[in-house]
Amino acid sequence: ELLLNGNEFDLILSDVEMPHVDGWEFLEYVKSDANFGHVPVVMIT
């Protein structure tokens, strides 16, 4: 929601095991999106 509302980040640190949208689903979405795919994502688990 933050990303889709236009927030921009230089780095994303994401947990893996979370409710609603887990870290793997989040990572897949971000990296497949033309607007966000360039943002580095680090998984922390």
ModelCIF file with pLDDT and N, C-alpha, C, O atoms, coordinates in Angstrom:
data_MODEL
#
_entry.id   MODEL 
#
_entity.id                         1 
_entity.type                       polymer 
_entity.pdbx_number_of_molecules   1 
#
_entity_poly.entity_id                      1 
_entity_poly.type                           'polypeptide(L)' 
_entity_poly.nstd_linkage                   no 
_entity_poly.nstd_monomer                   no 
_entity_poly.pdbx_seq_one_letter_code       ELLLNGNEFDLILSDVEMPHVDGWEFLEYVKSDANFGHVPVVMIT 
_entity_poly.pdbx_seq_one_letter_code_can   ELLLNGNEFDLILSDVEMPHVDGWEFLEYVKSDANFGHVPVVMIT 
_entity_poly.pdbx_strand_id                 A 
#
loop_
_entity_poly_seq.entity_id 
_entity_poly_seq.num 
_entity_poly_seq.mon_id 
_entity_poly_seq.hetero 
1 1  GLU n 
1 2  LEU n 
1 3  LEU n 
1 4  LEU n 
1 5  ASN n 
1 6  GLY n 
1 7  ASN n 
1 8  GLU n 
1 9  PHE n 
1 10 ASP n 
1 11 LEU n 
1 12 ILE n 
1 13 LEU n 
1 14 SER n 
1 15 ASP n 
1 16 VAL n 
1 17 GLU n 
1 18 MET n 
1 19 PRO n 
1 20 HIS n 
1 21 VAL n 
1 22 ASP n 
1 23 GLY n 
1 24 TRP n 
1 25 GLU n 
1 26 PHE n 
1 27 LEU n 
1 28 GLU n 
1 29 TYR n 
1 30 VAL n 
1 31 LYS n 
1 32 SER n 
1 33 ASP n 
1 34 ALA n 
1 35 ASN n 
1 36 PHE n 
1 37 GLY n 
1 38 HIS n 
1 39 VAL n 
1 40 PRO n 
1 41 VAL n 
1 42 VAL n 
1 43 MET n 
1 44 ILE n 
1 45 THR n 
#
_struct_asym.id          A 
_struct_asym.entity_id   1 
#
loop_
_ma_qa_metric.id 
_ma_qa_metric.mode 
_ma_qa_metric.name 
_ma_qa_metric.software_group_id 
_ma_qa_metric.type 
1 global pLDDT . pLDDT 
2 local  pLDDT . pLDDT 
#
_ma_qa_metric_global.metric_id      1 
_ma_qa_metric_global.metric_value   95.47 
_ma_qa_metric_global.model_id       1 
_ma_qa_metric_global.ordinal_id     1 
#
loop_
_ma_qa_metric_local.label_asym_id 
_ma_qa_metric_local.label_comp_id 
_ma_qa_metric_local.label_seq_id 
_ma_qa_metric_local.metric_id 
_ma_qa_metric_local.metric_value 
_ma_qa_metric_local.model_id 
_ma_qa_metric_local.ordinal_id 
A GLU 1  2 97.00 1 1  
A LEU 2  2 98.00 1 2  
A LEU 3  2 97.00 1 3  
A LEU 4  2 96.00 1 4  
A ASN 5  2 97.00 1 5  
A GLY 6  2 96.00 1 6  
A ASN 7  2 96.00 1 7  
A GLU 8  2 95.00 1 8  
A PHE 9  2 96.00 1 9  
A ASP 10 2 93.00 1 10 
A LEU 11 2 94.00 1 11 
A ILE 12 2 96.00 1 12 
A LEU 13 2 97.00 1 13 
A SER 14 2 97.00 1 14 
A ASP 15 2 96.00 1 15 
A VAL 16 2 95.00 1 16 
A GLU 17 2 94.00 1 17 
A MET 18 2 95.00 1 18 
A PRO 19 2 93.00 1 19 
A HIS 20 2 92.00 1 20 
A VAL 21 2 95.00 1 21 
A ASP 22 2 96.00 1 22 
A GLY 23 2 96.00 1 23 
A TRP 24 2 97.00 1 24 
A GLU 25 2 97.00 1 25 
A PHE 26 2 98.00 1 26 
A LEU 27 2 97.00 1 27 
A GLU 28 2 97.00 1 28 
A TYR 29 2 97.00 1 29 
A VAL 30 2 97.00 1 30 
A LYS 31 2 97.00 1 31 
A SER 32 2 96.00 1 32 
A ASP 33 2 96.00 1 33 
A ALA 34 2 95.00 1 34 
A ASN 35 2 94.00 1 35 
A PHE 36 2 93.00 1 36 
A GLY 37 2 94.00 1 37 
A HIS 38 2 94.00 1 38 
A VAL 39 2 94.00 1 39 
A PRO 40 2 94.00 1 40 
A VAL 41 2 95.00 1 41 
A VAL 42 2 95.00 1 42 
A MET 43 2 96.00 1 43 
A ILE 44 2 94.00 1 44 
A THR 45 2 92.00 1 45 
#
loop_
_atom_site.group_PDB 
_atom_site.id 
_atom_site.type_symbol 
_atom_site.label_atom_id 
_atom_site.label_alt_id 
_atom_site.label_comp_id 
_atom_site.label_asym_id 
_atom_site.label_entity_id 
_atom_site.label_seq_id 
_atom_site.pdbx_PDB_ins_code 
_atom_site.Cartn_x 
_atom_site.Cartn_y 
_atom_site.Cartn_z 
_atom_site.occupancy 
_atom_site.B_iso_or_equiv 
_atom_site.pdbx_formal_charge 
_atom_site.auth_seq_id 
_atom_site.auth_comp_id 
_atom_site.auth_asym_id 
_atom_site.auth_atom_id 
_atom_site.pdbx_PDB_model_num 
ATOM 1   N N  . GLU A 1 1  ? 0.833  -1.204  0.000   1.00 97.00 ? 1  GLU A N  1 
ATOM 2   C CA . GLU A 1 1  ? 0.000  0.000   0.000   1.00 97.00 ? 1  GLU A CA 1 
ATOM 3   C C  . GLU A 1 1  ? 0.870  1.257   0.000   1.00 97.00 ? 1  GLU A C  1 
ATOM 4   O O  . GLU A 1 1  ? 0.579  2.216   -0.714  1.00 97.00 ? 1  GLU A O  1 
ATOM 5   N N  . LEU A 1 2  ? 1.935  1.251   0.799   1.00 98.00 ? 2  LEU A N  1 
ATOM 6   C CA . LEU A 1 2  ? 2.857  2.397   0.821   1.00 98.00 ? 2  LEU A CA 1 
ATOM 7   C C  . LEU A 1 2  ? 3.468  2.625   -0.561  1.00 98.00 ? 2  LEU A C  1 
ATOM 8   O O  . LEU A 1 2  ? 3.533  3.759   -1.035  1.00 98.00 ? 2  LEU A O  1 
ATOM 9   N N  . LEU A 1 3  ? 3.913  1.547   -1.203  1.00 97.00 ? 3  LEU A N  1 
ATOM 10  C CA . LEU A 1 3  ? 4.519  1.666   -2.530  1.00 97.00 ? 3  LEU A CA 1 
ATOM 11  C C  . LEU A 1 3  ? 3.504  2.145   -3.562  1.00 97.00 ? 3  LEU A C  1 
ATOM 12  O O  . LEU A 1 3  ? 3.800  3.020   -4.376  1.00 97.00 ? 3  LEU A O  1 
ATOM 13  N N  . LEU A 1 4  ? 2.320  1.572   -3.524  1.00 96.00 ? 4  LEU A N  1 
ATOM 14  C CA . LEU A 1 4  ? 1.287  1.931   -4.504  1.00 96.00 ? 4  LEU A CA 1 
ATOM 15  C C  . LEU A 1 4  ? 0.773  3.352   -4.314  1.00 96.00 ? 4  LEU A C  1 
ATOM 16  O O  . LEU A 1 4  ? 0.212  3.940   -5.238  1.00 96.00 ? 4  LEU A O  1 
ATOM 17  N N  . ASN A 1 5  ? 0.963  3.909   -3.110  1.00 97.00 ? 5  ASN A N  1 
ATOM 18  C CA . ASN A 1 5  ? 0.580  5.303   -2.846  1.00 97.00 ? 5  ASN A CA 1 
ATOM 19  C C  . ASN A 1 5  ? 1.690  6.284   -3.204  1.00 97.00 ? 5  ASN A C  1 
ATOM 20  O O  . ASN A 1 5  ? 1.591  7.470   -2.889  1.00 97.00 ? 5  ASN A O  1 
ATOM 21  N N  . GLY A 1 6  ? 2.740  5.808   -3.856  1.00 96.00 ? 6  GLY A N  1 
ATOM 22  C CA . GLY A 1 6  ? 3.773  6.703   -4.367  1.00 96.00 ? 6  GLY A CA 1 
ATOM 23  C C  . GLY A 1 6  ? 4.984  6.898   -3.490  1.00 96.00 ? 6  GLY A C  1 
ATOM 24  O O  . GLY A 1 6  ? 5.864  7.686   -3.839  1.00 96.00 ? 6  GLY A O  1 
ATOM 25  N N  . ASN A 1 7  ? 5.069  6.211   -2.361  1.00 96.00 ? 7  ASN A N  1 
ATOM 26  C CA . ASN A 1 7  ? 6.256  6.327   -1.513  1.00 96.00 ? 7  ASN A CA 1 
ATOM 27  C C  . ASN A 1 7  ? 7.431  5.658   -2.212  1.00 96.00 ? 7  ASN A C  1 
ATOM 28  O O  . ASN A 1 7  ? 7.283  4.593   -2.811  1.00 96.00 ? 7  ASN A O  1 
ATOM 29  N N  . GLU A 1 8  ? 8.592  6.288   -2.133  1.00 95.00 ? 8  GLU A N  1 
ATOM 30  C CA . GLU A 1 8  ? 9.795  5.746   -2.758  1.00 95.00 ? 8  GLU A CA 1 
ATOM 31  C C  . GLU A 1 8  ? 10.844 5.467   -1.689  1.00 95.00 ? 8  GLU A C  1 
ATOM 32  O O  . GLU A 1 8  ? 11.022 6.240   -0.748  1.00 95.00 ? 8  GLU A O  1 
ATOM 33  N N  . PHE A 1 9  ? 11.535 4.337   -1.860  1.00 96.00 ? 9  PHE A N  1 
ATOM 34  C CA . PHE A 1 9  ? 12.527 3.910   -0.883  1.00 96.00 ? 9  PHE A CA 1 
ATOM 35  C C  . PHE A 1 9  ? 13.815 3.530   -1.587  1.00 96.00 ? 9  PHE A C  1 
ATOM 36  O O  . PHE A 1 9  ? 13.807 3.049   -2.720  1.00 96.00 ? 9  PHE A O  1 
ATOM 37  N N  . ASP A 1 10 ? 14.931 3.757   -0.889  1.00 93.00 ? 10 ASP A N  1 
ATOM 38  C CA . ASP A 1 10 ? 16.237 3.355   -1.417  1.00 93.00 ? 10 ASP A CA 1 
ATOM 39  C C  . ASP A 1 10 ? 16.549 1.905   -1.095  1.00 93.00 ? 10 ASP A C  1 
ATOM 40  O O  . ASP A 1 10 ? 17.367 1.275   -1.765  1.00 93.00 ? 10 ASP A O  1 
ATOM 41  N N  . LEU A 1 11 ? 15.893 1.375   -0.063  1.00 94.00 ? 11 LEU A N  1 
ATOM 42  C CA . LEU A 1 11 ? 16.113 -0.005  0.344   1.00 94.00 ? 11 LEU A CA 1 
ATOM 43  C C  . LEU A 1 11 ? 14.900 -0.481  1.128   1.00 94.00 ? 11 LEU A C  1 
ATOM 44  O O  . LEU A 1 11 ? 14.289 0.278   1.881   1.00 94.00 ? 11 LEU A O  1 
ATOM 45  N N  . ILE A 1 12 ? 14.561 -1.756  0.937   1.00 96.00 ? 12 ILE A N  1 
ATOM 46  C CA . ILE A 1 12 ? 13.467 -2.374  1.689   1.00 96.00 ? 12 ILE A CA 1 
ATOM 47  C C  . ILE A 1 12 ? 14.035 -3.559  2.465   1.00 96.00 ? 12 ILE A C  1 
ATOM 48  O O  . ILE A 1 12 ? 14.703 -4.426  1.901   1.00 96.00 ? 12 ILE A O  1 
ATOM 49  N N  . LEU A 1 13 ? 13.758 -3.579  3.772   1.00 97.00 ? 13 LEU A N  1 
ATOM 50  C CA . LEU A 1 13 ? 14.139 -4.693  4.636   1.00 97.00 ? 13 LEU A CA 1 
ATOM 51  C C  . LEU A 1 13 ? 12.850 -5.403  5.011   1.00 97.00 ? 13 LEU A C  1 
ATOM 52  O O  . LEU A 1 13 ? 11.987 -4.818  5.666   1.00 97.00 ? 13 LEU A O  1 
ATOM 53  N N  . SER A 1 14 ? 12.708 -6.663  4.603   1.00 97.00 ? 14 SER A N  1 
ATOM 54  C CA . SER A 1 14 ? 11.448 -7.365  4.814   1.00 97.00 ? 14 SER A CA 1 
ATOM 55  C C  . SER A 1 14 ? 11.621 -8.678  5.557   1.00 97.00 ? 14 SER A C  1 
ATOM 56  O O  . SER A 1 14 ? 12.509 -9.476  5.256   1.00 97.00 ? 14 SER A O  1 
ATOM 57  N N  . ASP A 1 15 ? 10.747 -8.881  6.536   1.00 96.00 ? 15 ASP A N  1 
ATOM 58  C CA . ASP A 1 15 ? 10.618 -10.176 7.195   1.00 96.00 ? 15 ASP A CA 1 
ATOM 59  C C  . ASP A 1 15 ? 10.055 -11.159 6.171   1.00 96.00 ? 15 ASP A C  1 
ATOM 60  O O  . ASP A 1 15 ? 9.514  -10.739 5.148   1.00 96.00 ? 15 ASP A O  1 
ATOM 61  N N  . VAL A 1 16 ? 10.174 -12.444 6.429   1.00 95.00 ? 16 VAL A N  1 
ATOM 62  C CA . VAL A 1 16 ? 9.619  -13.459 5.539   1.00 95.00 ? 16 VAL A CA 1 
ATOM 63  C C  . VAL A 1 16 ? 8.256  -13.925 6.033   1.00 95.00 ? 16 VAL A C  1 
ATOM 64  O O  . VAL A 1 16 ? 7.279  -13.897 5.284   1.00 95.00 ? 16 VAL A O  1 
ATOM 65  N N  . GLU A 1 17 ? 8.188  -14.350 7.283   1.00 94.00 ? 17 GLU A N  1 
ATOM 66  C CA . GLU A 1 17 ? 6.957  -14.931 7.811   1.00 94.00 ? 17 GLU A CA 1 
ATOM 67  C C  . GLU A 1 17 ? 6.085  -13.833 8.432   1.00 94.00 ? 17 GLU A C  1 
ATOM 68  O O  . GLU A 1 17 ? 6.346  -13.357 9.537   1.00 94.00 ? 17 GLU A O  1 
ATOM 69  N N  . MET A 1 18 ? 5.038  -13.445 7.684   1.00 95.00 ? 18 MET A N  1 
ATOM 70  C CA . MET A 1 18 ? 4.111  -12.404 8.122   1.00 95.00 ? 18 MET A CA 1 
ATOM 71  C C  . MET A 1 18 ? 2.702  -12.770 7.663   1.00 95.00 ? 18 MET A C  1 
ATOM 72  O O  . MET A 1 18 ? 2.535  -13.517 6.698   1.00 95.00 ? 18 MET A O  1 
ATOM 73  N N  . PRO A 1 19 ? 1.688  -12.244 8.352   1.00 93.00 ? 19 PRO A N  1 
ATOM 74  C CA . PRO A 1 19 ? 0.308  -12.481 7.907   1.00 93.00 ? 19 PRO A CA 1 
ATOM 75  C C  . PRO A 1 19 ? -0.042 -11.609 6.697   1.00 93.00 ? 19 PRO A C  1 
ATOM 76  O O  . PRO A 1 19 ? 0.685  -10.675 6.356   1.00 93.00 ? 19 PRO A O  1 
ATOM 77  N N  . HIS A 1 20 ? -1.150 -11.927 6.066   1.00 92.00 ? 20 HIS A N  1 
ATOM 78  C CA . HIS A 1 20 ? -1.728 -11.202 4.933   1.00 92.00 ? 20 HIS A CA 1 
ATOM 79  C C  . HIS A 1 20 ? -0.905 -11.385 3.663   1.00 92.00 ? 20 HIS A C  1 
ATOM 80  O O  . HIS A 1 20 ? -1.274 -12.191 2.808   1.00 92.00 ? 20 HIS A O  1 
ATOM 81  N N  . VAL A 1 21 ? 0.168  -10.679 3.523   1.00 95.00 ? 21 VAL A N  1 
ATOM 82  C CA . VAL A 1 21 ? 1.098  -10.870 2.397   1.00 95.00 ? 21 VAL A CA 1 
ATOM 83  C C  . VAL A 1 21 ? 2.455  -11.148 3.028   1.00 95.00 ? 21 VAL A C  1 
ATOM 84  O O  . VAL A 1 21 ? 3.033  -10.277 3.679   1.00 95.00 ? 21 VAL A O  1 
ATOM 85  N N  . ASP A 1 22 ? 2.968  -12.378 2.833   1.00 96.00 ? 22 ASP A N  1 
ATOM 86  C CA . ASP A 1 22 ? 4.252  -12.700 3.458   1.00 96.00 ? 22 ASP A CA 1 
ATOM 87  C C  . ASP A 1 22 ? 5.406  -12.104 2.651   1.00 96.00 ? 22 ASP A C  1 
ATOM 88  O O  . ASP A 1 22 ? 5.206  -11.529 1.581   1.00 96.00 ? 22 ASP A O  1 
ATOM 89  N N  . GLY A 1 23 ? 6.605  -12.255 3.186   1.00 96.00 ? 23 GLY A N  1 
ATOM 90  C CA . GLY A 1 23 ? 7.778  -11.655 2.550   1.00 96.00 ? 23 GLY A CA 1 
ATOM 91  C C  . GLY A 1 23 ? 8.059  -12.167 1.154   1.00 96.00 ? 23 GLY A C  1 
ATOM 92  O O  . GLY A 1 23 ? 8.476  -11.403 0.284   1.00 96.00 ? 23 GLY A O  1 
ATOM 93  N N  . TRP A 1 24 ? 7.833  -13.471 0.927   1.00 97.00 ? 24 TRP A N  1 
ATOM 94  C CA . TRP A 1 24 ? 8.077  -14.024 -0.409  1.00 97.00 ? 24 TRP A CA 1 
ATOM 95  C C  . TRP A 1 24 ? 7.102  -13.441 -1.420  1.00 97.00 ? 24 TRP A C  1 
ATOM 96  O O  . TRP A 1 24 ? 7.501  -13.077 -2.526  1.00 97.00 ? 24 TRP A O  1 
ATOM 97  N N  . GLU A 1 25 ? 5.823  -13.347 -1.053  1.00 97.00 ? 25 GLU A N  1 
ATOM 98  C CA . GLU A 1 25 ? 4.812  -12.768 -1.955  1.00 97.00 ? 25 GLU A CA 1 
ATOM 99  C C  . GLU A 1 25 ? 5.123  -11.298 -2.219  1.00 97.00 ? 25 GLU A C  1 
ATOM 100 O O  . GLU A 1 25 ? 5.019  -10.826 -3.351  1.00 97.00 ? 25 GLU A O  1 
ATOM 101 N N  . PHE A 1 26 ? 5.504  -10.586 -1.171  1.00 98.00 ? 26 PHE A N  1 
ATOM 102 C CA . PHE A 1 26 ? 5.863  -9.180  -1.316  1.00 98.00 ? 26 PHE A CA 1 
ATOM 103 C C  . PHE A 1 26 ? 7.041  -9.024  -2.270  1.00 98.00 ? 26 PHE A C  1 
ATOM 104 O O  . PHE A 1 26 ? 7.004  -8.197  -3.182  1.00 98.00 ? 26 PHE A O  1 
ATOM 105 N N  . LEU A 1 27 ? 8.077  -9.815  -2.058  1.00 97.00 ? 27 LEU A N  1 
ATOM 106 C CA . LEU A 1 27 ? 9.276  -9.753  -2.895  1.00 97.00 ? 27 LEU A CA 1 
ATOM 107 C C  . LEU A 1 27 ? 8.937  -10.039 -4.352  1.00 97.00 ? 27 LEU A C  1 
ATOM 108 O O  . LEU A 1 27 ? 9.390  -9.324  -5.246  1.00 97.00 ? 27 LEU A O  1 
ATOM 109 N N  . GLU A 1 28 ? 8.148  -11.074 -4.597  1.00 97.00 ? 28 GLU A N  1 
ATOM 110 C CA . GLU A 1 28 ? 7.752  -11.414 -5.967  1.00 97.00 ? 28 GLU A CA 1 
ATOM 111 C C  . GLU A 1 28 ? 7.026  -10.256 -6.638  1.00 97.00 ? 28 GLU A C  1 
ATOM 112 O O  . GLU A 1 28 ? 7.296  -9.933  -7.795  1.00 97.00 ? 28 GLU A O  1 
ATOM 113 N N  . TYR A 1 29 ? 6.100  -9.630  -5.906  1.00 97.00 ? 29 TYR A N  1 
ATOM 114 C CA . TYR A 1 29 ? 5.340  -8.521  -6.471  1.00 97.00 ? 29 TYR A CA 1 
ATOM 115 C C  . TYR A 1 29 ? 6.265  -7.346  -6.801  1.00 97.00 ? 29 TYR A C  1 
ATOM 116 O O  . TYR A 1 29 ? 6.236  -6.809  -7.909  1.00 97.00 ? 29 TYR A O  1 
ATOM 117 N N  . VAL A 1 30 ? 7.078  -6.960  -5.828  1.00 97.00 ? 30 VAL A N  1 
ATOM 118 C CA . VAL A 1 30 ? 7.957  -5.799  -6.020  1.00 97.00 ? 30 VAL A CA 1 
ATOM 119 C C  . VAL A 1 30 ? 8.891  -6.012  -7.205  1.00 97.00 ? 30 VAL A C  1 
ATOM 120 O O  . VAL A 1 30 ? 9.027  -5.132  -8.054  1.00 97.00 ? 30 VAL A O  1 
ATOM 121 N N  . LYS A 1 31 ? 9.525  -7.157  -7.266  1.00 97.00 ? 31 LYS A N  1 
ATOM 122 C CA . LYS A 1 31 ? 10.517 -7.400  -8.320  1.00 97.00 ? 31 LYS A CA 1 
ATOM 123 C C  . LYS A 1 31 ? 9.895  -7.594  -9.696  1.00 97.00 ? 31 LYS A C  1 
ATOM 124 O O  . LYS A 1 31 ? 10.595 -7.488  -10.703 1.00 97.00 ? 31 LYS A O  1 
ATOM 125 N N  . SER A 1 32 ? 8.590  -7.878  -9.762  1.00 96.00 ? 32 SER A N  1 
ATOM 126 C CA . SER A 1 32 ? 7.940  -8.034  -11.057 1.00 96.00 ? 32 SER A CA 1 
ATOM 127 C C  . SER A 1 32 ? 7.263  -6.753  -11.524 1.00 96.00 ? 32 SER A C  1 
ATOM 128 O O  . SER A 1 32 ? 6.718  -6.713  -12.627 1.00 96.00 ? 32 SER A O  1 
ATOM 129 N N  . ASP A 1 33 ? 7.288  -5.716  -10.712 1.00 96.00 ? 33 ASP A N  1 
ATOM 130 C CA . ASP A 1 33 ? 6.625  -4.465  -11.044 1.00 96.00 ? 33 ASP A CA 1 
ATOM 131 C C  . ASP A 1 33 ? 7.614  -3.483  -11.689 1.00 96.00 ? 33 ASP A C  1 
ATOM 132 O O  . ASP A 1 33 ? 8.720  -3.282  -11.187 1.00 96.00 ? 33 ASP A O  1 
ATOM 133 N N  . ALA A 1 34 ? 7.206  -2.887  -12.788 1.00 95.00 ? 34 ALA A N  1 
ATOM 134 C CA . ALA A 1 34 ? 8.081  -1.955  -13.517 1.00 95.00 ? 34 ALA A CA 1 
ATOM 135 C C  . ALA A 1 34 ? 8.450  -0.730  -12.682 1.00 95.00 ? 34 ALA A C  1 
ATOM 136 O O  . ALA A 1 34 ? 9.526  -0.162  -12.875 1.00 95.00 ? 34 ALA A O  1 
ATOM 137 N N  . ASN A 1 35 ? 7.591  -0.315  -11.770 1.00 94.00 ? 35 ASN A N  1 
ATOM 138 C CA . ASN A 1 35 ? 7.852  0.876   -10.961 1.00 94.00 ? 35 ASN A CA 1 
ATOM 139 C C  . ASN A 1 35 ? 8.772  0.614   -9.777  1.00 94.00 ? 35 ASN A C  1 
ATOM 140 O O  . ASN A 1 35 ? 9.499  1.510   -9.351  1.00 94.00 ? 35 ASN A O  1 
ATOM 141 N N  . PHE A 1 36 ? 8.749  -0.604  -9.240  1.00 93.00 ? 36 PHE A N  1 
ATOM 142 C CA . PHE A 1 36 ? 9.479  -0.897  -8.008  1.00 93.00 ? 36 PHE A CA 1 
ATOM 143 C C  . PHE A 1 36 ? 10.609 -1.895  -8.171  1.00 93.00 ? 36 PHE A C  1 
ATOM 144 O O  . PHE A 1 36 ? 11.414 -2.061  -7.254  1.00 93.00 ? 36 PHE A O  1 
ATOM 145 N N  . GLY A 1 37 ? 10.690 -2.557  -9.298  1.00 94.00 ? 37 GLY A N  1 
ATOM 146 C CA . GLY A 1 37 ? 11.641 -3.653  -9.486  1.00 94.00 ? 37 GLY A CA 1 
ATOM 147 C C  . GLY A 1 37 ? 13.091 -3.289  -9.243  1.00 94.00 ? 37 GLY A C  1 
ATOM 148 O O  . GLY A 1 37 ? 13.904 -4.160  -8.934  1.00 94.00 ? 37 GLY A O  1 
ATOM 149 N N  . HIS A 1 38 ? 13.428 -2.019  -9.379  1.00 94.00 ? 38 HIS A N  1 
ATOM 150 C CA . HIS A 1 38 ? 14.814 -1.570  -9.188  1.00 94.00 ? 38 HIS A CA 1 
ATOM 151 C C  . HIS A 1 38 ? 15.201 -1.397  -7.719  1.00 94.00 ? 38 HIS A C  1 
ATOM 152 O O  . HIS A 1 38 ? 16.386 -1.290  -7.401  1.00 94.00 ? 38 HIS A O  1 
ATOM 153 N N  . VAL A 1 39 ? 14.212 -1.369  -6.821  1.00 94.00 ? 39 VAL A N  1 
ATOM 154 C CA . VAL A 1 39 ? 14.497 -1.124  -5.406  1.00 94.00 ? 39 VAL A CA 1 
ATOM 155 C C  . VAL A 1 39 ? 15.094 -2.381  -4.780  1.00 94.00 ? 39 VAL A C  1 
ATOM 156 O O  . VAL A 1 39 ? 14.503 -3.456  -4.878  1.00 94.00 ? 39 VAL A O  1 
ATOM 157 N N  . PRO A 1 40 ? 16.256 -2.261  -4.140  1.00 94.00 ? 40 PRO A N  1 
ATOM 158 C CA . PRO A 1 40 ? 16.856 -3.422  -3.486  1.00 94.00 ? 40 PRO A CA 1 
ATOM 159 C C  . PRO A 1 40 ? 15.998 -3.880  -2.303  1.00 94.00 ? 40 PRO A C  1 
ATOM 160 O O  . PRO A 1 40 ? 15.556 -3.072  -1.487  1.00 94.00 ? 40 PRO A O  1 
ATOM 161 N N  . VAL A 1 41 ? 15.777 -5.184  -2.231  1.00 95.00 ? 41 VAL A N  1 
ATOM 162 C CA . VAL A 1 41 ? 15.020 -5.776  -1.126  1.00 95.00 ? 41 VAL A CA 1 
ATOM 163 C C  . VAL A 1 41 ? 15.923 -6.793  -0.435  1.00 95.00 ? 41 VAL A C  1 
ATOM 164 O O  . VAL A 1 41 ? 16.489 -7.681  -1.073  1.00 95.00 ? 41 VAL A O  1 
ATOM 165 N N  . VAL A 1 42 ? 16.043 -6.644  0.874   1.00 95.00 ? 42 VAL A N  1 
ATOM 166 C CA . VAL A 1 42 ? 16.812 -7.585  1.685   1.00 95.00 ? 42 VAL A CA 1 
ATOM 167 C C  . VAL A 1 42 ? 15.830 -8.305  2.595   1.00 95.00 ? 42 VAL A C  1 
ATOM 168 O O  . VAL A 1 42 ? 15.059 -7.677  3.322   1.00 95.00 ? 42 VAL A O  1 
ATOM 169 N N  . MET A 1 43 ? 15.868 -9.620  2.545   1.00 96.00 ? 43 MET A N  1 
ATOM 170 C CA . MET A 1 43 ? 15.006 -10.425 3.391   1.00 96.00 ? 43 MET A CA 1 
ATOM 171 C C  . MET A 1 43 ? 15.721 -10.664 4.722   1.00 96.00 ? 43 MET A C  1 
ATOM 172 O O  . MET A 1 43 ? 16.903 -11.003 4.756   1.00 96.00 ? 43 MET A O  1 
ATOM 173 N N  . ILE A 1 44 ? 14.975 -10.480 5.819   1.00 94.00 ? 44 ILE A N  1 
ATOM 174 C CA . ILE A 1 44 ? 15.529 -10.678 7.151   1.00 94.00 ? 44 ILE A CA 1 
ATOM 175 C C  . ILE A 1 44 ? 14.647 -11.703 7.849   1.00 94.00 ? 44 ILE A C  1 
ATOM 176 O O  . ILE A 1 44 ? 13.448 -11.483 8.020   1.00 94.00 ? 44 ILE A O  1 
ATOM 177 N N  . THR A 1 45 ? 15.246 -12.837 8.258   1.00 92.00 ? 45 THR A N  1 
ATOM 178 C CA . THR A 1 45 ? 14.438 -13.938 8.748   1.00 92.00 ? 45 THR A CA 1 
ATOM 179 C C  . THR A 1 45 ? 15.220 -14.828 9.705   1.00 92.00 ? 45 THR A C  1 
ATOM 180 O O  . THR A 1 45 ? 14.681 -15.811 10.214  1.00 92.00 ? 45 THR A O  1 
#
